[in-house]
Amino acid sequence: MEVADETVDKLLDEGRAPAEILLLTTGAQHPWAEHELSFGEDAYWRQLAAGEDVFCAHTSSLSRTSQRAVVLLAVNGGTDPEAAAALPAALEKATEKLIVCGDPERLRALL
C-alpha cells in the first residue's frame, strides 16, 4: 500500500489531476476508502461520481468504478485467482496507464 501511495504522490507531482487516478486493492481496503465508507456507501460512491479526486476501491467493486486515465492496482492480498483476475479487469479501467504494485515474485507467478 505504501508503494501505491507513493506512486500516487509522484503522479500528482508530475502534474496528473487527482481525478485521473483510480487506486484499486486486492486485499484490505485502502485506509482512505475505509474512512470514507464509515460515512456510508452512498456518500462514498458519490465521490466517484463527482470525479474530483483520487478514488480508492477494492477490486470486488470494480464493476461500479468508471474508467480513469491511470489505474494503480495494489496487489496487497486476496487469493491468487482473485489477484490474477484483477489484472485484466484493472487494465480495462485504465485509458492510458496501468501501474501494478506488489510483491514482484507473486506478480511474476500470477502472470
PDB file of N, CA and C in Angstrom:
ATOM      1  N   MET A   1       0.824  -1.188   0.000  1.00  0.00           N
ATOM      2  CA  MET A   1       0.000   0.000   0.000  1.00  0.00           C
ATOM      3  C   MET A   1       0.873   1.257   0.000  1.00  0.00           C
ATOM      4  N   GLU A   2       1.976   1.174   0.735  1.00  0.00           N
ATOM      5  CA  GLU A   2       2.864   2.329   0.825  1.00  0.00           C
ATOM      6  C   GLU A   2       3.410   2.711  -0.550  1.00  0.00           C
ATOM      7  N   VAL A   3       3.805   1.714  -1.332  1.00  0.00           N
ATOM      8  CA  VAL A   3       4.333   1.980  -2.673  1.00  0.00           C
ATOM      9  C   VAL A   3       3.243   2.590  -3.553  1.00  0.00           C
ATOM     10  N   ALA A   4       2.034   2.097  -3.438  1.00  0.00           N
ATOM     11  CA  ALA A   4       0.927   2.653  -4.221  1.00  0.00           C
ATOM     12  C   ALA A   4       0.683   4.118  -3.848  1.00  0.00           C
ATOM     13  N   ASP A   5       0.696   4.420  -2.553  1.00  0.00           N
ATOM     14  CA  ASP A   5       0.503   5.807  -2.117  1.00  0.00           C
ATOM     15  C   ASP A   5       1.631   6.708  -2.623  1.00  0.00           C
ATOM     16  N   GLU A   6       2.861   6.209  -2.548  1.00  0.00           N
ATOM     17  CA  GLU A   6       3.996   6.982  -3.060  1.00  0.00           C
ATOM     18  C   GLU A   6       3.869   7.210  -4.564  1.00  0.00           C
ATOM     19  N   THR A   7       3.368   6.214  -5.274  1.00  0.00           N
ATOM     20  CA  THR A   7       3.175   6.343  -6.719  1.00  0.00           C
ATOM     21  C   THR A   7       2.110   7.381  -7.030  1.00  0.00           C
ATOM     22  N   VAL A   8       1.034   7.397  -6.264  1.00  0.00           N
ATOM     23  CA  VAL A   8       0.000   8.426  -6.443  1.00  0.00           C
ATOM     24  C   VAL A   8       0.617   9.807  -6.230  1.00  0.00           C
ATOM     25  N   ASP A   9       1.385   9.961  -5.161  1.00  0.00           N
ATOM     26  CA  ASP A   9       2.047  11.250  -4.899  1.00  0.00           C
ATOM     27  C   ASP A   9       2.938  11.664  -6.064  1.00  0.00           C
ATOM     28  N   LYS A  10       3.697  10.716  -6.600  1.00  0.00           N
ATOM     29  CA  LYS A  10       4.585  11.007  -7.732  1.00  0.00           C
ATOM     30  C   LYS A  10       3.780  11.443  -8.957  1.00  0.00           C
ATOM     31  N   LEU A  11       2.685  10.746  -9.233  1.00  0.00           N
ATOM     32  CA  LEU A  11       1.840  11.113 -10.374  1.00  0.00           C
ATOM     33  C   LEU A  11       1.281  12.531 -10.209  1.00  0.00           C
ATOM     34  N   LEU A  12       0.853  12.852  -9.004  1.00  0.00           N
ATOM     35  CA  LEU A  12       0.329  14.191  -8.742  1.00  0.00           C
ATOM     36  C   LEU A  12       1.431  15.240  -8.898  1.00  0.00           C
ATOM     37  N   ASP A  13       2.629  14.932  -8.404  1.00  0.00           N
ATOM     38  CA  ASP A  13       3.768  15.851  -8.538  1.00  0.00           C
ATOM     39  C   ASP A  13       4.137  16.069 -10.000  1.00  0.00           C
ATOM     40  N   GLU A  14       3.914  15.046 -10.834  1.00  0.00           N
ATOM     41  CA  GLU A  14       4.213  15.144 -12.264  1.00  0.00           C
ATOM     42  C   GLU A  14       3.131  15.898 -13.036  1.00  0.00           C
ATOM     43  N   GLY A  15       2.054  16.284 -12.352  1.00  0.00           N
ATOM     44  CA  GLY A  15       1.020  17.074 -12.999  1.00  0.00           C
ATOM     45  C   GLY A  15      -0.278  16.364 -13.298  1.00  0.00           C
ATOM     46  N   ARG A  16      -0.382  15.105 -12.928  1.00  0.00           N
ATOM     47  CA  ARG A  16      -1.659  14.406 -13.121  1.00  0.00           C
ATOM     48  C   ARG A  16      -2.706  15.024 -12.210  1.00  0.00           C
ATOM     49  N   ALA A  17      -3.892  15.187 -12.721  1.00  0.00           N
ATOM     50  CA  ALA A  17      -5.009  15.664 -11.904  1.00  0.00           C
ATOM     51  C   ALA A  17      -5.488  14.517 -11.022  1.00  0.00           C
ATOM     52  N   PRO A  18      -5.873  14.800  -9.787  1.00  0.00           N
ATOM     53  CA  PRO A  18      -6.355  13.733  -8.908  1.00  0.00           C
ATOM     54  C   PRO A  18      -7.486  12.906  -9.528  1.00  0.00           C
ATOM     55  N   ALA A  19      -8.344  13.548 -10.270  1.00  0.00           N
ATOM     56  CA  ALA A  19      -9.495  12.863 -10.860  1.00  0.00           C
ATOM     57  C   ALA A  19      -9.099  11.871 -11.956  1.00  0.00           C
ATOM     58  N   GLU A  20      -7.844  11.884 -12.370  1.00  0.00           N
ATOM     59  CA  GLU A  20      -7.377  10.958 -13.401  1.00  0.00           C
ATOM     60  C   GLU A  20      -6.930   9.611 -12.819  1.00  0.00           C
ATOM     61  N   ILE A  21      -6.929   9.493 -11.484  1.00  0.00           N
ATOM     62  CA  ILE A  21      -6.302   8.339 -10.843  1.00  0.00           C
ATOM     63  C   ILE A  21      -7.325   7.500 -10.091  1.00  0.00           C
ATOM     64  N   LEU A  22      -7.279   6.197 -10.338  1.00  0.00           N
ATOM     65  CA  LEU A  22      -8.073   5.209  -9.621  1.00  0.00           C
ATOM     66  C   LEU A  22      -7.107   4.231  -8.979  1.00  0.00           C
ATOM     67  N   LEU A  23      -7.205   4.041  -7.668  1.00  0.00           N
ATOM     68  CA  LEU A  23      -6.352   3.105  -6.947  1.00  0.00           C
ATOM     69  C   LEU A  23      -7.208   1.932  -6.496  1.00  0.00           C
ATOM     70  N   LEU A  24      -6.826   0.744  -6.943  1.00  0.00           N
ATOM     71  CA  LEU A  24      -7.573  -0.467  -6.619  1.00  0.00           C
ATOM     72  C   LEU A  24      -6.736  -1.370  -5.721  1.00  0.00           C
ATOM     73  N   THR A  25      -7.394  -2.069  -4.810  1.00  0.00           N
ATOM     74  CA  THR A  25      -6.708  -3.009  -3.928  1.00  0.00           C
ATOM     75  C   THR A  25      -7.328  -4.394  -4.084  1.00  0.00           C
ATOM     76  N   THR A  26      -6.483  -5.428  -3.905  1.00  0.00           N
ATOM     77  CA  THR A  26      -6.969  -6.800  -3.993  1.00  0.00           C
ATOM     78  C   THR A  26      -7.185  -7.418  -2.616  1.00  0.00           C
ATOM     79  N   GLY A  27      -6.556  -6.846  -1.601  1.00  0.00           N
ATOM     80  CA  GLY A  27      -6.678  -7.343  -0.228  1.00  0.00           C
ATOM     81  C   GLY A  27      -7.500  -6.369   0.596  1.00  0.00           C
ATOM     82  N   ALA A  28      -6.894  -5.876   1.657  1.00  0.00           N
ATOM     83  CA  ALA A  28      -7.585  -4.905   2.512  1.00  0.00           C
ATOM     84  C   ALA A  28      -7.880  -3.622   1.743  1.00  0.00           C
ATOM     85  N   GLN A  29      -8.970  -2.988   2.119  1.00  0.00           N
ATOM     86  CA  GLN A  29      -9.304  -1.685   1.537  1.00  0.00           C
ATOM     87  C   GLN A  29      -8.194  -0.691   1.839  1.00  0.00           C
ATOM     88  N   HIS A  30      -8.032   0.274   0.976  1.00  0.00           N
ATOM     89  CA  HIS A  30      -7.119   1.386   1.244  1.00  0.00           C
ATOM     90  C   HIS A  30      -7.667   2.139   2.459  1.00  0.00           C
ATOM     91  N   PRO A  31      -6.800   2.649   3.335  1.00  0.00           N
ATOM     92  CA  PRO A  31      -7.280   3.388   4.508  1.00  0.00           C
ATOM     93  C   PRO A  31      -8.223   4.544   4.162  1.00  0.00           C
ATOM     94  N   TRP A  32      -7.990   5.215   3.035  1.00  0.00           N
ATOM     95  CA  TRP A  32      -8.890   6.299   2.629  1.00  0.00           C
ATOM     96  C   TRP A  32     -10.289   5.744   2.376  1.00  0.00           C
ATOM     97  N   ALA A  33     -10.367   4.627   1.660  1.00  0.00           N
ATOM     98  CA  ALA A  33     -11.667   4.023   1.368  1.00  0.00           C
ATOM     99  C   ALA A  33     -12.358   3.583   2.654  1.00  0.00           C
ATOM    100  N   GLU A  34     -11.605   2.979   3.570  1.00  0.00           N
ATOM    101  CA  GLU A  34     -12.199   2.582   4.852  1.00  0.00           C
ATOM    102  C   GLU A  34     -12.795   3.785   5.574  1.00  0.00           C
ATOM    103  N   HIS A  35     -12.032   4.871   5.593  1.00  0.00           N
ATOM    104  CA  HIS A  35     -12.509   6.091   6.260  1.00  0.00           C
ATOM    105  C   HIS A  35     -13.773   6.618   5.588  1.00  0.00           C
ATOM    106  N   GLU A  36     -13.747   6.726   4.288  1.00  0.00           N
ATOM    107  CA  GLU A  36     -14.898   7.278   3.560  1.00  0.00           C
ATOM    108  C   GLU A  36     -16.123   6.370   3.667  1.00  0.00           C
ATOM    109  N   LEU A  37     -15.911   5.067   3.664  1.00  0.00           N
ATOM    110  CA  LEU A  37     -17.031   4.136   3.801  1.00  0.00           C
ATOM    111  C   LEU A  37     -17.674   4.214   5.185  1.00  0.00           C
ATOM    112  N   SER A  38     -16.934   4.726   6.166  1.00  0.00           N
ATOM    113  CA  SER A  38     -17.508   4.874   7.507  1.00  0.00           C
ATOM    114  C   SER A  38     -18.644   5.894   7.520  1.00  0.00           C
ATOM    115  N   PHE A  39     -18.719   6.738   6.485  1.00  0.00           N
ATOM    116  CA  PHE A  39     -19.807   7.713   6.361  1.00  0.00           C
ATOM    117  C   PHE A  39     -20.979   7.162   5.551  1.00  0.00           C
ATOM    118  N   GLY A  40     -20.844   5.934   5.082  1.00  0.00           N
ATOM    119  CA  GLY A  40     -21.904   5.283   4.321  1.00  0.00           C
ATOM    120  C   GLY A  40     -21.525   5.092   2.867  1.00  0.00           C
ATOM    121  N   GLU A  41     -22.078   4.046   2.290  1.00  0.00           N
ATOM    122  CA  GLU A  41     -21.755   3.724   0.892  1.00  0.00           C
ATOM    123  C   GLU A  41     -22.233   4.784  -0.089  1.00  0.00           C
ATOM    124  N   ASP A  42     -23.392   5.376   0.174  1.00  0.00           N
ATOM    125  CA  ASP A  42     -23.900   6.386  -0.758  1.00  0.00           C
ATOM    126  C   ASP A  42     -22.934   7.555  -0.883  1.00  0.00           C
ATOM    127  N   ALA A  43     -22.451   8.059   0.238  1.00  0.00           N
ATOM    128  CA  ALA A  43     -21.509   9.184   0.218  1.00  0.00           C
ATOM    129  C   ALA A  43     -20.199   8.780  -0.467  1.00  0.00           C
ATOM    130  N   TYR A  44     -19.752   7.577  -0.196  1.00  0.00           N
ATOM    131  CA  TYR A  44     -18.520   7.066  -0.795  1.00  0.00           C
ATOM    132  C   TYR A  44     -18.634   7.036  -2.320  1.00  0.00           C
ATOM    133  N   TRP A  45     -19.698   6.442  -2.835  1.00  0.00           N
ATOM    134  CA  TRP A  45     -19.849   6.321  -4.289  1.00  0.00           C
ATOM    135  C   TRP A  45     -20.167   7.658  -4.946  1.00  0.00           C
ATOM    136  N   ARG A  46     -20.759   8.591  -4.220  1.00  0.00           N
ATOM    137  CA  ARG A  46     -20.972   9.937  -4.777  1.00  0.00           C
ATOM    138  C   ARG A  46     -19.641  10.605  -5.099  1.00  0.00           C
ATOM    139  N   GLN A  47     -18.632  10.303  -4.311  1.00  0.00           N
ATOM    140  CA  GLN A  47     -17.310  10.878  -4.578  1.00  0.00           C
ATOM    141  C   GLN A  47     -16.750  10.375  -5.900  1.00  0.00           C
ATOM    142  N   LEU A  48     -17.011   9.141  -6.222  1.00  0.00           N
ATOM    143  CA  LEU A  48     -16.581   8.624  -7.519  1.00  0.00           C
ATOM    144  C   LEU A  48     -17.319   9.360  -8.628  1.00  0.00           C
ATOM    145  N   ALA A  49     -18.620   9.514  -8.485  1.00  0.00           N
ATOM    146  CA  ALA A  49     -19.423  10.197  -9.492  1.00  0.00           C
ATOM    147  C   ALA A  49     -18.986  11.648  -9.661  1.00  0.00           C
ATOM    148  N   ALA A  50     -18.598  12.297  -8.565  1.00  0.00           N
ATOM    149  CA  ALA A  50     -18.153  13.694  -8.635  1.00  0.00           C
ATOM    150  C   ALA A  50     -16.860  13.803  -9.436  1.00  0.00           C
ATOM    151  N   GLY A  51     -16.023  12.771  -9.386  1.00  0.00           N
ATOM    152  CA  GLY A  51     -14.813  12.734 -10.199  1.00  0.00           C
ATOM    153  C   GLY A  51     -13.834  13.853  -9.924  1.00  0.00           C
ATOM    154  N   GLU A  52     -13.708  14.265  -8.677  1.00  0.00           N
ATOM    155  CA  GLU A  52     -12.840  15.393  -8.358  1.00  0.00           C
ATOM    156  C   GLU A  52     -11.538  14.999  -7.679  1.00  0.00           C
ATOM    157  N   ASP A  53     -11.410  13.739  -7.279  1.00  0.00           N
ATOM    158  CA  ASP A  53     -10.240  13.353  -6.503  1.00  0.00           C
ATOM    159  C   ASP A  53      -9.806  11.939  -6.874  1.00  0.00           C
ATOM    160  N   VAL A  54      -8.634  11.547  -6.389  1.00  0.00           N
ATOM    161  CA  VAL A  54      -8.200  10.158  -6.500  1.00  0.00           C
ATOM    162  C   VAL A  54      -9.277   9.314  -5.828  1.00  0.00           C
ATOM    163  N   PHE A  55      -9.641   8.222  -6.445  1.00  0.00           N
ATOM    164  CA  PHE A  55     -10.652   7.350  -5.850  1.00  0.00           C
ATOM    165  C   PHE A  55     -10.025   6.002  -5.587  1.00  0.00           C
ATOM    166  N   CYS A  56     -10.287   5.456  -4.402  1.00  0.00           N
ATOM    167  CA  CYS A  56      -9.759   4.156  -3.993  1.00  0.00           C
ATOM    168  C   CYS A  56     -10.914   3.178  -3.818  1.00  0.00           C
ATOM    169  N   ALA A  57     -10.737   1.981  -4.359  1.00  0.00           N
ATOM    170  CA  ALA A  57     -11.792   0.974  -4.249  1.00  0.00           C
ATOM    171  C   ALA A  57     -11.165  -0.411  -4.214  1.00  0.00           C
ATOM    172  N   HIS A  58     -11.922  -1.355  -3.726  1.00  0.00           N
ATOM    173  CA  HIS A  58     -11.499  -2.760  -3.735  1.00  0.00           C
ATOM    174  C   HIS A  58     -11.901  -3.360  -5.074  1.00  0.00           C
ATOM    175  N   THR A  59     -11.115  -4.306  -5.552  1.00  0.00           N
ATOM    176  CA  THR A  59     -11.404  -4.900  -6.857  1.00  0.00           C
ATOM    177  C   THR A  59     -12.736  -5.649  -6.887  1.00  0.00           C
ATOM    178  N   SER A  60     -13.257  -6.018  -5.731  1.00  0.00           N
ATOM    179  CA  SER A  60     -14.562  -6.683  -5.715  1.00  0.00           C
ATOM    180  C   SER A  60     -15.681  -5.746  -6.160  1.00  0.00           C
ATOM    181  N   SER A  61     -15.446  -4.436  -6.125  1.00  0.00           N
ATOM    182  CA  SER A  61     -16.462  -3.484  -6.588  1.00  0.00           C
ATOM    183  C   SER A  61     -16.023  -2.781  -7.871  1.00  0.00           C
ATOM    184  N   LEU A  62     -15.168  -3.459  -8.621  1.00  0.00           N
ATOM    185  CA  LEU A  62     -14.644  -2.888  -9.862  1.00  0.00           C
ATOM    186  C   LEU A  62     -15.738  -2.533 -10.860  1.00  0.00           C
ATOM    187  N   SER A  63     -16.805  -3.302 -10.876  1.00  0.00           N
ATOM    188  CA  SER A  63     -17.883  -3.035 -11.838  1.00  0.00           C
ATOM    189  C   SER A  63     -18.553  -1.684 -11.574  1.00  0.00           C
ATOM    190  N   ARG A  64     -18.437  -1.159 -10.361  1.00  0.00           N
ATOM    191  CA  ARG A  64     -19.064   0.125 -10.027  1.00  0.00           C
ATOM    192  C   ARG A  64     -18.164   1.316 -10.343  1.00  0.00           C
ATOM    193  N   THR A  65     -16.893   1.051 -10.667  1.00  0.00           N
ATOM    194  CA  THR A  65     -15.966   2.147 -10.940  1.00  0.00           C
ATOM    195  C   THR A  65     -16.007   2.512 -12.415  1.00  0.00           C
ATOM    196  N   SER A  66     -15.568   3.715 -12.698  1.00  0.00           N
ATOM    197  CA  SER A  66     -15.500   4.177 -14.079  1.00  0.00           C
ATOM    198  C   SER A  66     -14.055   4.146 -14.549  1.00  0.00           C
ATOM    199  N   GLN A  67     -13.867   4.315 -15.832  1.00  0.00           N
ATOM    200  CA  GLN A  67     -12.516   4.364 -16.375  1.00  0.00           C
ATOM    201  C   GLN A  67     -11.833   5.650 -15.922  1.00  0.00           C
ATOM    202  N   ARG A  68     -10.536   5.544 -15.750  1.00  0.00           N
ATOM    203  CA  ARG A  68      -9.699   6.697 -15.427  1.00  0.00           C
ATOM    204  C   ARG A  68      -8.423   6.571 -16.243  1.00  0.00           C
ATOM    205  N   ALA A  69      -7.753   7.693 -16.444  1.00  0.00           N
ATOM    206  CA  ALA A  69      -6.530   7.675 -17.247  1.00  0.00           C
ATOM    207  C   ALA A  69      -5.492   6.732 -16.652  1.00  0.00           C
ATOM    208  N   VAL A  70      -5.306   6.822 -15.339  1.00  0.00           N
ATOM    209  CA  VAL A  70      -4.293   5.998 -14.669  1.00  0.00           C
ATOM    210  C   VAL A  70      -4.973   5.136 -13.615  1.00  0.00           C
ATOM    211  N   VAL A  71      -4.686   3.847 -13.674  1.00  0.00           N
ATOM    212  CA  VAL A  71      -5.175   2.918 -12.653  1.00  0.00           C
ATOM    213  C   VAL A  71      -3.966   2.302 -11.970  1.00  0.00           C
ATOM    214  N   LEU A  72      -3.951   2.389 -10.644  1.00  0.00           N
ATOM    215  CA  LEU A  72      -2.944   1.706  -9.840  1.00  0.00           C
ATOM    216  C   LEU A  72      -3.612   0.501  -9.217  1.00  0.00           C
ATOM    217  N   LEU A  73      -3.016  -0.654  -9.409  1.00  0.00           N
ATOM    218  CA  LEU A  73      -3.530  -1.878  -8.804  1.00  0.00           C
ATOM    219  C   LEU A  73      -2.553  -2.296  -7.724  1.00  0.00           C
ATOM    220  N   ALA A  74      -2.982  -2.210  -6.472  1.00  0.00           N
ATOM    221  CA  ALA A  74      -2.166  -2.645  -5.342  1.00  0.00           C
ATOM    222  C   ALA A  74      -2.544  -4.093  -5.027  1.00  0.00           C
ATOM    223  N   VAL A  75      -1.659  -5.011  -5.369  1.00  0.00           N
ATOM    224  CA  VAL A  75      -1.888  -6.424  -5.074  1.00  0.00           C
ATOM    225  C   VAL A  75      -1.400  -6.635  -3.638  1.00  0.00           C
ATOM    226  N   ASN A  76      -2.302  -6.375  -2.709  1.00  0.00           N
ATOM    227  CA  ASN A  76      -1.965  -6.365  -1.281  1.00  0.00           C
ATOM    228  C   ASN A  76      -2.655  -7.481  -0.510  1.00  0.00           C
ATOM    229  N   GLY A  77      -3.017  -8.531  -1.191  1.00  0.00           N
ATOM    230  CA  GLY A  77      -3.685  -9.654  -0.549  1.00  0.00           C
ATOM    231  C   GLY A  77      -4.672 -10.281  -1.505  1.00  0.00           C
ATOM    232  N   GLY A  78      -5.619 -10.978  -0.939  1.00  0.00           N
ATOM    233  CA  GLY A  78      -6.567 -11.718  -1.758  1.00  0.00           C
ATOM    234  C   GLY A  78      -5.935 -13.015  -2.221  1.00  0.00           C
ATOM    235  N   THR A  79      -6.747 -13.890  -2.755  1.00  0.00           N
ATOM    236  CA  THR A  79      -6.232 -15.158  -3.252  1.00  0.00           C
ATOM    237  C   THR A  79      -5.523 -14.943  -4.582  1.00  0.00           C
ATOM    238  N   ASP A  80      -4.701 -15.899  -4.974  1.00  0.00           N
ATOM    239  CA  ASP A  80      -4.024 -15.782  -6.262  1.00  0.00           C
ATOM    240  C   ASP A  80      -5.013 -15.696  -7.420  1.00  0.00           C
ATOM    241  N   PRO A  81      -6.077 -16.517  -7.449  1.00  0.00           N
ATOM    242  CA  PRO A  81      -7.049 -16.374  -8.541  1.00  0.00           C
ATOM    243  C   PRO A  81      -7.720 -14.985  -8.556  1.00  0.00           C
ATOM    244  N   GLU A  82      -8.013 -14.444  -7.375  1.00  0.00           N
ATOM    245  CA  GLU A  82      -8.624 -13.107  -7.319  1.00  0.00           C
ATOM    246  C   GLU A  82      -7.651 -12.048  -7.846  1.00  0.00           C
ATOM    247  N   ALA A  83      -6.400 -12.126  -7.422  1.00  0.00           N
ATOM    248  CA  ALA A  83      -5.401 -11.162  -7.873  1.00  0.00           C
ATOM    249  C   ALA A  83      -5.153 -11.294  -9.368  1.00  0.00           C
ATOM    250  N   ALA A  84      -5.093 -12.530  -9.865  1.00  0.00           N
ATOM    251  CA  ALA A  84      -4.879 -12.750 -11.297  1.00  0.00           C
ATOM    252  C   ALA A  84      -6.034 -12.191 -12.117  1.00  0.00           C
ATOM    253  N   ALA A  85      -7.250 -12.357 -11.635  1.00  0.00           N
ATOM    254  CA  ALA A  85      -8.422 -11.823 -12.344  1.00  0.00           C
ATOM    255  C   ALA A  85      -8.457 -10.306 -12.290  1.00  0.00           C
ATOM    256  N   ALA A  86      -7.883  -9.722 -11.247  1.00  0.00           N
ATOM    257  CA  ALA A  86      -7.895  -8.265 -11.105  1.00  0.00           C
ATOM    258  C   ALA A  86      -7.009  -7.581 -12.141  1.00  0.00           C
ATOM    259  N   LEU A  87      -5.968  -8.257 -12.591  1.00  0.00           N
ATOM    260  CA  LEU A  87      -5.039  -7.638 -13.545  1.00  0.00           C
ATOM    261  C   LEU A  87      -5.717  -7.225 -14.848  1.00  0.00           C
ATOM    262  N   PRO A  88      -6.357  -8.130 -15.586  1.00  0.00           N
ATOM    263  CA  PRO A  88      -7.007  -7.696 -16.830  1.00  0.00           C
ATOM    264  C   PRO A  88      -8.186  -6.761 -16.581  1.00  0.00           C
ATOM    265  N   ALA A  89      -8.874  -6.948 -15.455  1.00  0.00           N
ATOM    266  CA  ALA A  89     -10.007  -6.073 -15.135  1.00  0.00           C
ATOM    267  C   ALA A  89      -9.525  -4.649 -14.888  1.00  0.00           C
ATOM    268  N   ALA A  90      -8.413  -4.506 -14.191  1.00  0.00           N
ATOM    269  CA  ALA A  90      -7.851  -3.172 -13.944  1.00  0.00           C
ATOM    270  C   ALA A  90      -7.366  -2.547 -15.244  1.00  0.00           C
ATOM    271  N   LEU A  91      -6.790  -3.356 -16.107  1.00  0.00           N
ATOM    272  CA  LEU A  91      -6.321  -2.851 -17.394  1.00  0.00           C
ATOM    273  C   LEU A  91      -7.472  -2.268 -18.210  1.00  0.00           C
ATOM    274  N   GLU A  92      -8.637  -2.889 -18.135  1.00  0.00           N
ATOM    275  CA  GLU A  92      -9.811  -2.374 -18.851  1.00  0.00           C
ATOM    276  C   GLU A  92     -10.255  -1.015 -18.334  1.00  0.00           C
ATOM    277  N   LYS A  93      -9.977  -0.726 -17.069  1.00  0.00           N
ATOM    278  CA  LYS A  93     -10.377   0.560 -16.476  1.00  0.00           C
ATOM    279  C   LYS A  93      -9.393   1.679 -16.800  1.00  0.00           C
ATOM    280  N   ALA A  94      -8.175   1.330 -17.204  1.00  0.00           N
ATOM    281  CA  ALA A  94      -7.138   2.321 -17.486  1.00  0.00           C
ATOM    282  C   ALA A  94      -7.198   2.749 -18.945  1.00  0.00           C
ATOM    283  N   THR A  95      -7.348   4.050 -19.177  1.00  0.00           N
ATOM    284  CA  THR A  95      -7.373   4.532 -20.561  1.00  0.00           C
ATOM    285  C   THR A  95      -5.989   4.897 -21.074  1.00  0.00           C
ATOM    286  N   GLU A  96      -5.029   5.133 -20.154  1.00  0.00           N
ATOM    287  CA  GLU A  96      -3.673   5.488 -20.573  1.00  0.00           C
ATOM    288  C   GLU A  96      -2.598   4.600 -19.959  1.00  0.00           C
ATOM    289  N   LYS A  97      -2.732   4.311 -18.660  1.00  0.00           N
ATOM    290  CA  LYS A  97      -1.637   3.644 -17.973  1.00  0.00           C
ATOM    291  C   LYS A  97      -2.160   2.784 -16.828  1.00  0.00           C
ATOM    292  N   LEU A  98      -1.606   1.575 -16.728  1.00  0.00           N
ATOM    293  CA  LEU A  98      -1.859   0.698 -15.585  1.00  0.00           C
ATOM    294  C   LEU A  98      -0.541   0.512 -14.856  1.00  0.00           C
ATOM    295  N   ILE A  99      -0.555   0.761 -13.556  1.00  0.00           N
ATOM    296  CA  ILE A  99       0.623   0.563 -12.713  1.00  0.00           C
ATOM    297  C   ILE A  99       0.249  -0.488 -11.674  1.00  0.00           C
ATOM    298  N   VAL A 100       1.060  -1.531 -11.573  1.00  0.00           N
ATOM    299  CA  VAL A 100       0.785  -2.616 -10.639  1.00  0.00           C
ATOM    300  C   VAL A 100       1.841  -2.581  -9.538  1.00  0.00           C
ATOM    301  N   CYS A 101       1.382  -2.571  -8.295  1.00  0.00           N
ATOM    302  CA  CYS A 101       2.262  -2.555  -7.127  1.00  0.00           C
ATOM    303  C   CYS A 101       2.037  -3.829  -6.324  1.00  0.00           C
ATOM    304  N   GLY A 102       3.124  -4.427  -5.892  1.00  0.00           N
ATOM    305  CA  GLY A 102       3.010  -5.632  -5.081  1.00  0.00           C
ATOM    306  C   GLY A 102       4.322  -6.378  -5.060  1.00  0.00           C
ATOM    307  N   ASP A 103       4.314  -7.513  -4.413  1.00  0.00           N
ATOM    308  CA  ASP A 103       5.492  -8.355  -4.314  1.00  0.00           C
ATOM    309  C   ASP A 103       5.867  -8.855  -5.709  1.00  0.00           C
ATOM    310  N   PRO A 104       7.067  -8.516  -6.200  1.00  0.00           N
ATOM    311  CA  PRO A 104       7.444  -8.906  -7.568  1.00  0.00           C
ATOM    312  C   PRO A 104       7.377 -10.413  -7.819  1.00  0.00           C
ATOM    313  N   GLU A 105       7.762 -11.227  -6.839  1.00  0.00           N
ATOM    314  CA  GLU A 105       7.708 -12.685  -7.033  1.00  0.00           C
ATOM    315  C   GLU A 105       6.269 -13.162  -7.211  1.00  0.00           C
ATOM    316  N   ARG A 106       5.382 -12.635  -6.407  1.00  0.00           N
ATOM    317  CA  ARG A 106       3.977 -13.022  -6.533  1.00  0.00           C
ATOM    318  C   ARG A 106       3.426 -12.556  -7.875  1.00  0.00           C
ATOM    319  N   LEU A 107       3.751 -11.339  -8.273  1.00  0.00           N
ATOM    320  CA  LEU A 107       3.243 -10.809  -9.545  1.00  0.00           C
ATOM    321  C   LEU A 107       3.736 -11.641 -10.716  1.00  0.00           C
ATOM    322  N   ARG A 108       5.019 -12.029 -10.698  1.00  0.00           N
ATOM    323  CA  ARG A 108       5.539 -12.878 -11.782  1.00  0.00           C
ATOM    324  C   ARG A 108       4.793 -14.202 -11.845  1.00  0.00           C
ATOM    325  N   ALA A 109       4.486 -14.777 -10.683  1.00  0.00           N
ATOM    326  CA  ALA A 109       3.763 -16.053 -10.641  1.00  0.00           C
ATOM    327  C   ALA A 109       2.353 -15.898 -11.174  1.00  0.00           C
ATOM    328  N   LEU A 110       1.744 -14.737 -10.942  1.00  0.00           N
ATOM    329  CA  LEU A 110       0.380 -14.505 -11.403  1.00  0.00           C
ATOM    330  C   LEU A 110       0.317 -14.303 -12.914  1.00  0.00           C
ATOM    331  N   LEU A 111       1.385 -13.786 -13.476  1.00  0.00           N
ATOM    332  CA  LEU A 111       1.415 -13.540 -14.908  1.00  0.00           C
ATOM    333  C   LEU A 111       1.781 -14.807 -15.652  1.00  0.00           C
TER     334      LEU A 111
END
